[in-house]
Amino acid sequence: MNDQLRLPTRSVGLKFLLVCILAVLMALPAFAIFGLIYDRTNRADEVVREVGQRYGGEQTFTGPIIAAPFRQVIPAPPASPDNPRPTATVRNGWYVVFAGAGKGEAVIDTDVKARGSGGLFKVRTYTADVDFNGAFDLAGEPSAAPEGATIDWAKSVFLVGVSDPRGAAAPAELKVADRTIPLEPGSAYAEVFGAFQATGNPYGAPVAVSPVGMQWLVAQAGDFVRPEAKFEVRTKLKFTGVETVSLIAFARDTDLRIRGDWKDVGFFGAFPPKDGAGAPVQSSTEAAFDGQWTVPFIARNLAESGDSSTLGNLANLNVQVRLIDPANPYQSVTRALKYALMFLGVVFLAYFLMESTSNRRVHPAQYILVGLAQLIFYLLLLAIAERVGFDLAFLIAAGATVTLIGAYAGGVFRSARRGFIAFFAFAVLYALIYLLMRLEDYALLAGSIAAFVSIAAVMWFTRNLDWYGLVRSQEDGKA
């Protein structure tokens, strides 16, 4: 019986399977951290909305546009048994005329408002100086009026749109033929103003137009608007807002420009900037970004005139600049968490390699403690990043975690040398995590290469391992 082979007393293979299972199980609590990030992100969004109530929210501007009331008499239909005495009906509405050529420019001066305990949440606000210039040519108008409609040009108005008038920082005015006319709230023109409701943009990027309905500012136009008339209209607006500013392609052919002093911006909306790349156009002046768009009639794909329902299509004809926070801790920590399983597995594999090449045995509970330390790293990272920014927070959280699990390795294996090796290996690992956060578009490629290299290293260093533990079992049997 002594010559018979005993069952393995220490199967490295079984231990390896157990370590893999533990790595997967330890990754599950990462979902709780995802939930915490989601909660903090919602709180940050609430702060943005609160600040927006004071500074005007995400602003969208359009104009100038001409709107003139019309009266349409619809002839009575032929008599029928059900309606032996039909009568004519009258429809009242608004006839809208867009400028033939237009220019719009917004120059924004940015600021950051801190809210919450100790200024925890920061909101990017701005003051925008918005100028529009529209050239109108009414020759041939009303070309798209309903059949039988009579246009009352004497009661026509100029419309200039803004999504949230609460952000007005100065009186708004309009200039026609060297005459300056103040713009006033247009709540009396409900039929026209109710026609424009921002419907968002289905192109897949973040929401491009404020979900709040467009509000119209009005100036009387009867002194200038008449058949065959030609004139230019200029408007000057000064508004505050938060995070996003949008301009509408209000004319048949429109040139738009948004520039300002914020370095990190995203270009969104229905049309790309002139360079076609969607990236900020860096200038050599004090402006940190300068976005320019040309929207021709073909791209705009909207009739030059029509009834007030035409205004509803303007919501999809916007260009937008969003002020981006490059140090947003929630996006960065979320990106790091996506690789939590891989990095938990790599650390566990490192401990497994040290265990399999030494005479010390690591209990599963010790692997769990190492996994918990890594999960707490993400909590530390999130909590500190909210206060001091992501880069410094990563250095602090990673430094503390690497020191902890490196020192723990030295204690578990009773070897200062192995502790230093673990410290160096884990420092490289966390440096790789940081690199993945900064690579963004190449993060998947870099992470895949890192995972391949890790598996290749494990395969190489364990190529001569006695996975079944048979040799040890035979030696124990002879003893």
Protein backbone atom coordinates (compact mmCIF):
# COMPACT_ATOMS: atom_id res chain seq x y z
CA MET A 1 0.00 0.00 0.00
CA ASN A 2 2.89 2.34 0.72
CA ASP A 3 3.99 2.00 -2.91
CA GLN A 4 0.63 3.11 -4.25
CA LEU A 5 0.22 6.71 -5.41
CA ARG A 6 -1.60 8.86 -2.86
CA LEU A 7 -4.17 11.52 -3.77
CA PRO A 8 -2.63 14.99 -4.12
CA THR A 9 -2.34 16.80 -0.80
CA ARG A 10 -1.71 20.20 -2.41
CA SER A 11 -3.12 20.58 -5.91
CA VAL A 12 -1.85 23.80 -7.47
CA GLY A 13 -4.41 23.39 -10.24
CA LEU A 14 -7.35 23.31 -7.83
CA LYS A 15 -5.95 26.35 -6.06
CA PHE A 16 -5.68 28.16 -9.38
CA LEU A 17 -9.33 27.43 -10.16
CA LEU A 18 -10.32 28.69 -6.73
CA VAL A 19 -8.35 31.90 -7.26
CA CYS A 20 -10.10 32.49 -10.60
CA ILE A 21 -13.51 31.97 -9.01
CA LEU A 22 -12.62 34.37 -6.20
CA ALA A 23 -11.53 37.01 -8.73
CA VAL A 24 -14.88 36.80 -10.51
CA LEU A 25 -16.84 36.90 -7.23
CA MET A 26 -14.83 39.87 -5.97
CA ALA A 27 -15.69 41.80 -9.14
CA LEU A 28 -19.40 41.63 -8.31
CA PRO A 29 -19.26 44.31 -5.58
CA ALA A 30 -17.96 46.69 -8.27
CA PHE A 31 -21.57 47.01 -9.41
CA ALA A 32 -22.37 48.64 -6.08
CA ILE A 33 -19.69 51.23 -6.81
CA PHE A 34 -21.30 51.80 -10.21
CA GLY A 35 -24.53 52.52 -8.33
CA LEU A 36 -22.74 55.01 -6.10
CA ILE A 37 -21.28 56.80 -9.13
CA TYR A 38 -24.74 56.91 -10.70
CA ASP A 39 -26.14 58.51 -7.55
CA ARG A 40 -23.35 61.11 -7.41
CA THR A 41 -23.78 61.87 -11.10
CA ASN A 42 -27.51 62.47 -10.58
CA ARG A 43 -26.71 64.80 -7.72
CA ALA A 44 -24.28 66.73 -9.94
CA ASP A 45 -27.00 67.01 -12.62
CA GLU A 46 -29.41 68.37 -10.01
CA VAL A 47 -26.86 71.03 -9.10
CA VAL A 48 -26.58 71.98 -12.79
CA ARG A 49 -30.35 72.38 -12.97
CA GLU A 50 -30.39 74.44 -9.77
CA VAL A 51 -27.70 76.76 -11.08
CA GLY A 52 -29.50 76.88 -14.44
CA GLN A 53 -32.60 78.26 -12.75
CA ARG A 54 -30.55 81.30 -11.80
CA TYR A 55 -28.33 81.61 -14.87
CA GLY A 56 -30.71 80.54 -17.64
CA GLY A 57 -29.90 76.89 -18.23
CA GLU A 58 -28.59 75.57 -21.55
CA GLN A 59 -29.32 78.38 -23.96
CA THR A 60 -30.44 78.20 -27.59
CA PHE A 61 -30.75 81.32 -29.75
CA THR A 62 -32.40 82.01 -33.09
CA GLY A 63 -33.59 84.90 -35.21
CA PRO A 64 -34.48 87.29 -36.61
CA ILE A 65 -37.62 85.97 -38.36
CA ILE A 66 -40.64 87.82 -39.75
CA ALA A 67 -44.15 86.71 -38.76
CA ALA A 68 -47.26 88.35 -40.20
CA PRO A 69 -50.91 87.49 -39.36
CA PHE A 70 -53.14 86.22 -42.15
CA ARG A 71 -56.83 85.56 -42.63
CA GLN A 72 -57.91 82.73 -44.90
CA VAL A 73 -61.46 82.25 -46.11
CA ILE A 74 -62.17 78.61 -46.92
CA PRO A 75 -65.08 78.34 -49.41
CA ALA A 76 -68.16 76.43 -48.39
CA PRO A 77 -68.20 72.83 -49.58
CA PRO A 78 -70.98 71.62 -51.93
CA ALA A 79 -74.32 71.02 -50.29
CA SER A 80 -75.12 67.48 -49.23
CA PRO A 81 -77.99 65.70 -47.47
CA ASP A 82 -76.04 65.86 -44.23
CA ASN A 83 -75.16 69.54 -44.72
CA PRO A 84 -77.80 71.20 -46.92
CA ARG A 85 -76.60 74.76 -46.11
CA PRO A 86 -72.81 74.75 -45.98
CA THR A 87 -71.03 77.94 -44.99
CA ALA A 88 -67.56 79.27 -45.58
CA THR A 89 -65.06 79.09 -42.72
CA VAL A 90 -62.37 81.53 -41.69
CA ARG A 91 -58.91 80.50 -40.53
CA ASN A 92 -56.54 82.89 -38.80
CA GLY A 93 -52.82 82.18 -38.61
CA TRP A 94 -49.31 83.52 -38.98
CA TYR A 95 -47.20 83.64 -42.10
CA VAL A 96 -43.46 83.25 -41.49
CA VAL A 97 -40.62 84.54 -43.68
CA PHE A 98 -36.98 83.62 -43.06
CA ALA A 99 -34.02 85.80 -44.00
CA GLY A 100 -32.40 85.03 -47.34
CA ALA A 101 -28.88 85.25 -45.88
CA GLY A 102 -27.95 85.37 -42.23
CA LYS A 103 -25.03 85.43 -39.84
CA GLY A 104 -24.97 84.59 -36.16
CA GLU A 105 -22.13 84.84 -33.67
CA ALA A 106 -21.92 84.06 -29.95
CA VAL A 107 -18.91 85.10 -27.89
CA ILE A 108 -18.93 83.47 -24.48
CA ASP A 109 -17.07 84.43 -21.33
CA THR A 110 -16.98 81.43 -18.99
CA ASP A 111 -16.92 81.02 -15.24
CA VAL A 112 -17.23 78.13 -12.78
CA LYS A 113 -19.81 78.19 -9.99
CA ALA A 114 -19.21 75.89 -7.02
CA ARG A 115 -22.10 74.42 -5.08
CA GLY A 116 -22.44 71.92 -2.25
CA SER A 117 -20.41 71.45 0.91
CA GLY A 118 -16.96 72.88 0.36
CA GLY A 119 -17.75 73.64 -3.29
CA LEU A 120 -17.96 69.93 -4.10
CA PHE A 121 -19.97 70.31 -7.34
CA LYS A 122 -18.78 72.71 -10.02
CA VAL A 123 -20.99 74.06 -12.81
CA ARG A 124 -19.62 75.70 -15.95
CA THR A 125 -21.51 78.94 -16.59
CA TYR A 126 -21.07 81.63 -19.20
CA THR A 127 -22.15 85.05 -20.35
CA ALA A 128 -22.87 85.11 -24.09
CA ASP A 129 -22.88 88.15 -26.34
CA VAL A 130 -25.01 87.04 -29.30
CA ASP A 131 -25.30 89.01 -32.54
CA PHE A 132 -27.52 88.11 -35.50
CA ASN A 133 -27.68 89.73 -38.91
CA GLY A 134 -30.43 88.77 -41.36
CA ALA A 135 -30.96 90.13 -44.89
CA PHE A 136 -34.62 90.00 -46.00
CA ASP A 137 -35.91 90.22 -49.57
CA LEU A 138 -39.70 90.13 -49.76
CA ALA A 139 -39.88 90.12 -53.55
CA GLY A 140 -42.44 87.51 -54.55
CA GLU A 141 -43.89 87.16 -51.07
CA PRO A 142 -46.24 85.73 -49.95
CA SER A 143 -45.13 82.85 -52.14
CA ALA A 144 -46.19 80.07 -49.78
CA ALA A 145 -49.31 81.54 -48.21
CA PRO A 146 -52.40 79.31 -47.98
CA GLU A 147 -54.79 79.64 -50.92
CA GLY A 148 -57.13 82.56 -50.44
CA ALA A 149 -55.16 83.99 -47.47
CA THR A 150 -54.77 87.74 -46.96
CA ILE A 151 -51.55 88.82 -45.25
CA ASP A 152 -51.74 91.81 -42.90
CA TRP A 153 -48.17 93.10 -43.30
CA ALA A 154 -48.91 96.16 -41.17
CA LYS A 155 -49.24 93.96 -38.07
CA SER A 156 -46.14 91.89 -38.77
CA VAL A 157 -43.48 91.35 -36.10
CA PHE A 158 -39.81 90.43 -35.86
CA LEU A 159 -39.12 87.29 -33.81
CA VAL A 160 -35.90 86.51 -31.97
CA GLY A 161 -35.81 83.25 -30.01
CA VAL A 162 -34.12 82.24 -26.77
CA SER A 163 -34.75 79.07 -24.81
CA ASP A 164 -34.67 80.64 -21.33
CA PRO A 165 -35.27 84.41 -20.99
CA ARG A 166 -34.37 84.24 -17.29
CA GLY A 167 -30.75 84.45 -18.37
CA ALA A 168 -31.12 87.95 -19.86
CA ALA A 169 -28.16 90.04 -18.68
CA ALA A 170 -29.05 93.21 -20.59
CA PRO A 171 -31.99 94.65 -22.56
CA ALA A 172 -32.34 93.02 -25.97
CA GLU A 173 -32.63 95.23 -29.02
CA LEU A 174 -33.07 95.04 -32.76
CA LYS A 175 -31.80 97.46 -35.39
CA VAL A 176 -33.40 98.08 -38.81
CA ALA A 177 -32.36 100.87 -41.19
CA ASP A 178 -30.45 102.74 -38.44
CA ARG A 179 -33.47 102.54 -36.17
CA THR A 180 -33.12 100.71 -32.85
CA ILE A 181 -36.20 98.90 -31.56
CA PRO A 182 -36.34 97.17 -28.13
CA LEU A 183 -37.30 93.51 -28.08
CA GLU A 184 -40.09 92.60 -25.71
CA PRO A 185 -41.51 89.31 -24.38
CA GLY A 186 -43.92 87.81 -26.88
CA SER A 187 -46.44 86.06 -24.67
CA ALA A 188 -49.31 87.84 -26.51
CA TYR A 189 -48.50 85.92 -29.71
CA ALA A 190 -49.29 82.48 -28.34
CA GLU A 191 -50.20 80.93 -31.70
CA VAL A 192 -46.77 81.67 -33.15
CA PHE A 193 -44.75 81.04 -30.04
CA GLY A 194 -46.46 77.81 -29.14
CA ALA A 195 -45.52 76.38 -32.54
CA PHE A 196 -41.83 76.12 -31.64
CA GLN A 197 -41.14 73.28 -29.24
CA ALA A 198 -37.58 71.98 -28.98
CA THR A 199 -37.84 68.32 -29.85
CA GLY A 200 -34.21 67.35 -29.37
CA ASN A 201 -31.99 65.84 -32.04
CA PRO A 202 -32.01 62.12 -32.96
CA TYR A 203 -28.38 61.97 -34.23
CA GLY A 204 -27.14 60.01 -31.26
CA ALA A 205 -24.90 62.60 -29.60
CA PRO A 206 -25.77 64.17 -26.23
CA VAL A 207 -29.19 66.19 -26.28
CA ALA A 208 -28.56 69.11 -28.64
CA VAL A 209 -31.41 71.50 -27.82
CA SER A 210 -32.77 72.45 -24.42
CA PRO A 211 -35.99 70.50 -23.69
CA VAL A 212 -37.57 73.79 -22.65
CA GLY A 213 -39.78 75.30 -25.39
CA MET A 214 -38.34 78.26 -27.27
CA GLN A 215 -39.47 81.64 -25.97
CA TRP A 216 -39.81 84.51 -28.43
CA LEU A 217 -38.80 88.13 -28.12
CA VAL A 218 -40.83 90.48 -30.32
CA ALA A 219 -40.46 93.83 -32.07
CA GLN A 220 -43.07 95.48 -34.25
CA ALA A 221 -42.14 95.28 -37.94
CA GLY A 222 -45.06 96.97 -39.69
CA ASP A 223 -43.03 100.06 -40.58
CA PHE A 224 -40.54 98.00 -42.58
CA VAL A 225 -42.30 94.89 -43.84
CA ARG A 226 -44.22 95.32 -47.08
CA PRO A 227 -44.29 93.54 -50.46
CA GLU A 228 -41.03 93.85 -52.46
CA ALA A 229 -39.18 95.40 -49.50
CA LYS A 230 -35.48 94.71 -48.87
CA PHE A 231 -33.72 95.44 -45.60
CA GLU A 232 -31.29 94.07 -43.02
CA VAL A 233 -32.07 93.30 -39.39
CA ARG A 234 -29.42 93.19 -36.68
CA THR A 235 -29.96 92.00 -33.14
CA LYS A 236 -27.84 92.19 -30.02
CA LEU A 237 -28.42 89.87 -27.06
CA LYS A 238 -26.59 89.34 -23.80
CA PHE A 239 -27.55 86.22 -21.83
CA THR A 240 -26.13 83.95 -19.18
CA GLY A 241 -26.37 80.16 -19.32
CA VAL A 242 -24.79 76.92 -18.20
CA GLU A 243 -22.59 74.38 -19.98
CA THR A 244 -24.15 74.53 -23.47
CA VAL A 245 -24.82 77.23 -26.04
CA SER A 246 -26.63 76.60 -29.34
CA LEU A 247 -27.41 78.71 -32.40
CA ILE A 248 -30.18 77.97 -34.92
CA ALA A 249 -29.64 78.18 -38.67
CA PHE A 250 -32.38 80.82 -38.97
CA ALA A 251 -31.83 81.99 -42.58
CA ARG A 252 -32.00 80.36 -45.99
CA ASP A 253 -28.17 80.39 -46.07
CA THR A 254 -26.58 80.85 -42.66
CA ASP A 255 -23.04 81.38 -41.37
CA LEU A 256 -22.67 80.69 -37.65
CA ARG A 257 -19.79 81.12 -35.23
CA ILE A 258 -19.33 80.35 -31.54
CA ARG A 259 -16.10 81.24 -29.78
CA GLY A 260 -14.97 81.64 -26.22
CA ASP A 261 -12.33 81.17 -23.55
CA TRP A 262 -12.94 77.54 -22.50
CA LYS A 263 -10.25 75.10 -23.64
CA ASP A 264 -12.15 71.83 -23.58
CA VAL A 265 -15.30 71.84 -25.71
CA GLY A 266 -17.39 69.42 -27.73
CA PHE A 267 -19.09 70.35 -31.00
CA PHE A 268 -22.55 68.84 -31.46
CA GLY A 269 -25.74 69.63 -33.32
CA ALA A 270 -27.12 68.97 -36.78
CA PHE A 271 -24.14 70.32 -38.72
CA PRO A 272 -20.36 69.81 -38.37
CA PRO A 273 -17.90 72.72 -38.08
CA LYS A 274 -16.18 73.91 -41.23
CA ASP A 275 -13.19 71.63 -40.73
CA GLY A 276 -15.61 68.68 -40.78
CA ALA A 277 -13.80 66.94 -37.93
CA GLY A 278 -15.95 68.10 -35.03
CA ALA A 279 -12.85 69.12 -33.07
CA PRO A 280 -12.23 72.59 -31.62
CA VAL A 281 -10.57 74.97 -34.04
CA GLN A 282 -7.69 76.43 -32.08
CA SER A 283 -6.95 80.08 -32.77
CA SER A 284 -3.91 82.21 -32.07
CA THR A 285 -5.94 84.88 -30.29
CA GLU A 286 -7.13 84.93 -26.68
CA ALA A 287 -10.09 82.73 -27.59
CA ALA A 288 -9.51 79.12 -26.56
CA PHE A 289 -11.88 77.77 -29.18
CA ASP A 290 -13.45 79.07 -32.35
CA GLY A 291 -16.14 77.03 -34.08
CA GLN A 292 -17.53 78.10 -37.44
CA TRP A 293 -20.35 76.61 -39.50
CA THR A 294 -21.80 77.25 -42.95
CA VAL A 295 -25.35 75.96 -43.43
CA PRO A 296 -26.52 76.33 -47.04
CA PHE A 297 -30.13 76.12 -48.17
CA ILE A 298 -29.73 72.52 -49.35
CA ALA A 299 -28.41 71.36 -45.97
CA ARG A 300 -31.01 73.37 -44.07
CA ASN A 301 -33.79 71.73 -46.13
CA LEU A 302 -36.49 74.11 -44.94
CA ALA A 303 -38.72 76.35 -47.06
CA GLU A 304 -37.96 80.08 -47.09
CA SER A 305 -41.49 80.88 -45.93
CA GLY A 306 -44.70 79.21 -44.80
CA ASP A 307 -47.24 79.14 -42.00
CA SER A 308 -46.25 79.09 -38.34
CA SER A 309 -45.92 75.29 -38.27
CA THR A 310 -42.64 75.81 -40.15
CA LEU A 311 -41.11 77.11 -36.94
CA GLY A 312 -41.37 73.68 -35.36
CA ASN A 313 -38.69 72.38 -37.75
CA LEU A 314 -36.09 74.84 -36.49
CA ALA A 315 -35.28 72.69 -33.46
CA ASN A 316 -33.33 70.26 -35.65
CA LEU A 317 -31.30 73.00 -37.37
CA ASN A 318 -28.94 73.85 -34.55
CA VAL A 319 -25.21 73.94 -33.94
CA GLN A 320 -23.96 73.52 -30.40
CA VAL A 321 -20.89 73.93 -28.24
CA ARG A 322 -20.76 72.10 -24.93
CA LEU A 323 -18.26 73.15 -22.25
CA ILE A 324 -16.61 69.94 -21.09
CA ASP A 325 -15.01 69.30 -17.72
CA PRO A 326 -11.84 67.31 -18.53
CA ALA A 327 -11.44 66.41 -14.85
CA ASN A 328 -14.93 64.96 -14.46
CA PRO A 329 -14.32 62.34 -11.74
CA TYR A 330 -17.43 60.30 -12.49
CA GLN A 331 -16.57 59.58 -16.10
CA SER A 332 -12.96 58.72 -15.25
CA VAL A 333 -13.81 56.43 -12.32
CA THR A 334 -16.51 54.72 -14.40
CA ARG A 335 -13.96 54.06 -17.13
CA ALA A 336 -11.57 52.59 -14.54
CA LEU A 337 -14.29 50.34 -13.10
CA LYS A 338 -14.92 48.78 -16.49
CA TYR A 339 -11.56 47.03 -16.15
CA ALA A 340 -12.05 46.03 -12.50
CA LEU A 341 -12.34 42.31 -13.23
CA MET A 342 -9.20 42.26 -15.32
CA PHE A 343 -7.10 44.05 -12.71
CA LEU A 344 -8.50 42.00 -9.85
CA GLY A 345 -7.53 38.91 -11.81
CA VAL A 346 -4.02 40.22 -12.51
CA VAL A 347 -3.36 40.96 -8.84
CA PHE A 348 -4.71 37.55 -7.82
CA LEU A 349 -2.52 35.90 -10.46
CA ALA A 350 0.50 37.75 -9.09
CA TYR A 351 -0.22 36.43 -5.59
CA PHE A 352 -0.82 32.98 -7.02
CA LEU A 353 2.54 33.00 -8.82
CA MET A 354 4.35 34.03 -5.63
CA GLU A 355 2.51 31.34 -3.70
CA SER A 356 3.21 28.60 -6.26
CA THR A 357 6.92 29.43 -6.32
CA SER A 358 7.36 29.56 -2.54
CA ASN A 359 6.82 27.33 0.45
CA ARG A 360 4.15 29.60 1.89
CA ARG A 361 0.45 28.98 1.37
CA VAL A 362 -2.07 31.80 0.95
CA HIS A 363 -5.49 31.19 2.42
CA PRO A 364 -8.54 32.14 0.28
CA ALA A 365 -9.48 34.67 2.97
CA GLN A 366 -6.22 36.46 2.29
CA TYR A 367 -7.06 36.66 -1.41
CA ILE A 368 -10.42 38.15 -0.43
CA LEU A 369 -8.70 40.79 1.69
CA VAL A 370 -6.51 41.74 -1.25
CA GLY A 371 -9.61 42.00 -3.46
CA LEU A 372 -11.38 44.21 -0.94
CA ALA A 373 -8.36 46.50 -0.84
CA GLN A 374 -8.61 46.91 -4.60
CA LEU A 375 -12.33 47.66 -4.44
CA ILE A 376 -11.76 50.26 -1.74
CA PHE A 377 -9.25 51.86 -4.13
CA TYR A 378 -12.17 52.84 -6.37
CA LEU A 379 -14.09 54.30 -3.42
CA LEU A 380 -11.03 56.31 -2.38
CA LEU A 381 -10.52 57.44 -5.95
CA LEU A 382 -14.11 58.68 -6.28
CA ALA A 383 -14.23 60.39 -2.88
CA ILE A 384 -10.88 62.17 -3.28
CA ALA A 385 -11.41 63.05 -6.96
CA GLU A 386 -14.55 65.01 -6.06
CA ARG A 387 -12.37 67.24 -3.91
CA VAL A 388 -8.98 67.59 -5.59
CA GLY A 389 -9.44 66.34 -9.17
CA PHE A 390 -8.87 62.98 -10.80
CA ASP A 391 -5.10 63.06 -11.39
CA LEU A 392 -4.07 63.87 -7.84
CA ALA A 393 -6.77 61.58 -6.43
CA PHE A 394 -5.48 58.68 -8.51
CA LEU A 395 -1.94 59.26 -7.26
CA ILE A 396 -3.10 59.28 -3.63
CA ALA A 397 -5.49 56.31 -3.87
CA ALA A 398 -3.16 54.20 -6.01
CA GLY A 399 -0.14 54.99 -3.83
CA ALA A 400 -2.00 53.94 -0.68
CA THR A 401 -3.39 50.76 -2.25
CA VAL A 402 -0.11 49.65 -3.83
CA THR A 403 1.74 50.24 -0.57
CA LEU A 404 -0.88 48.26 1.36
CA ILE A 405 -1.04 45.17 -0.87
CA GLY A 406 2.74 45.22 -1.44
CA ALA A 407 3.42 45.31 2.31
CA TYR A 408 0.79 42.63 2.82
CA ALA A 409 2.54 40.41 0.28
CA GLY A 410 5.82 40.84 2.16
CA GLY A 411 4.11 39.82 5.40
CA VAL A 412 2.20 36.88 3.93
CA PHE A 413 5.29 35.36 2.29
CA ARG A 414 7.63 36.38 5.12
CA SER A 415 9.95 37.98 2.58
CA ALA A 416 10.87 41.62 2.18
CA ARG A 417 12.18 40.79 -1.28
CA ARG A 418 8.82 39.46 -2.40
CA GLY A 419 7.15 42.48 -0.84
CA PHE A 420 9.29 44.83 -2.94
CA ILE A 421 8.64 42.74 -6.04
CA ALA A 422 4.89 42.89 -5.36
CA PHE A 423 5.06 46.64 -4.75
CA PHE A 424 6.86 47.22 -8.06
CA ALA A 425 4.52 44.91 -10.01
CA PHE A 426 1.38 46.49 -8.58
CA ALA A 427 2.76 49.99 -9.15
CA VAL A 428 3.20 49.10 -12.83
CA LEU A 429 -0.35 47.69 -12.86
CA TYR A 430 -1.92 50.85 -11.46
CA ALA A 431 0.16 52.97 -13.81
CA LEU A 432 -1.42 50.91 -16.59
CA ILE A 433 -4.89 51.69 -15.18
CA TYR A 434 -4.08 55.40 -15.30
CA LEU A 435 -2.77 55.04 -18.84
CA LEU A 436 -6.05 53.41 -19.88
CA MET A 437 -7.95 56.35 -18.42
CA ARG A 438 -5.98 58.78 -20.55
CA LEU A 439 -5.87 56.81 -23.79
CA GLU A 440 -9.69 56.86 -24.20
CA ASP A 441 -10.00 55.81 -27.87
CA TYR A 442 -7.12 53.34 -27.50
CA ALA A 443 -8.12 52.06 -24.05
CA LEU A 444 -9.60 48.82 -25.38
CA LEU A 445 -6.52 48.08 -27.47
CA ALA A 446 -4.13 48.83 -24.59
CA GLY A 447 -6.23 46.81 -22.13
CA SER A 448 -6.38 43.84 -24.48
CA ILE A 449 -2.60 43.89 -24.95
CA ALA A 450 -2.09 44.14 -21.19
CA ALA A 451 -4.39 41.17 -20.59
CA PHE A 452 -2.56 39.13 -23.22
CA VAL A 453 0.84 39.95 -21.74
CA SER A 454 -0.40 39.03 -18.26
CA ILE A 455 -1.70 35.63 -19.37
CA ALA A 456 1.49 35.00 -21.34
CA ALA A 457 3.59 35.78 -18.23
CA VAL A 458 1.51 33.41 -16.10
CA MET A 459 1.86 30.66 -18.71
CA TRP A 460 5.62 31.16 -18.86
CA PHE A 461 6.30 31.21 -15.12
CA THR A 462 4.01 28.25 -14.45
CA ARG A 463 5.16 26.09 -17.35
CA ASN A 464 7.03 23.70 -15.02
CA LEU A 465 4.53 23.67 -12.17
CA ASP A 466 3.28 20.37 -10.84
CA TRP A 467 -0.39 21.33 -11.25
CA TYR A 468 -1.71 18.03 -9.86
CA GLY A 469 0.69 17.98 -6.91
CA LEU A 470 1.64 14.38 -7.71
CA VAL A 471 5.35 14.79 -7.02
CA ARG A 472 4.68 16.21 -3.58
CA SER A 473 2.19 13.43 -2.88
CA GLN A 474 4.75 10.77 -3.85
CA GLU A 475 7.38 12.38 -1.64
CA ASP A 476 4.93 12.48 1.27
CA GLY A 477 4.11 8.79 0.67
CA LYS A 478 7.79 7.75 0.78
CA ALA A 479 8.28 9.67 3.92
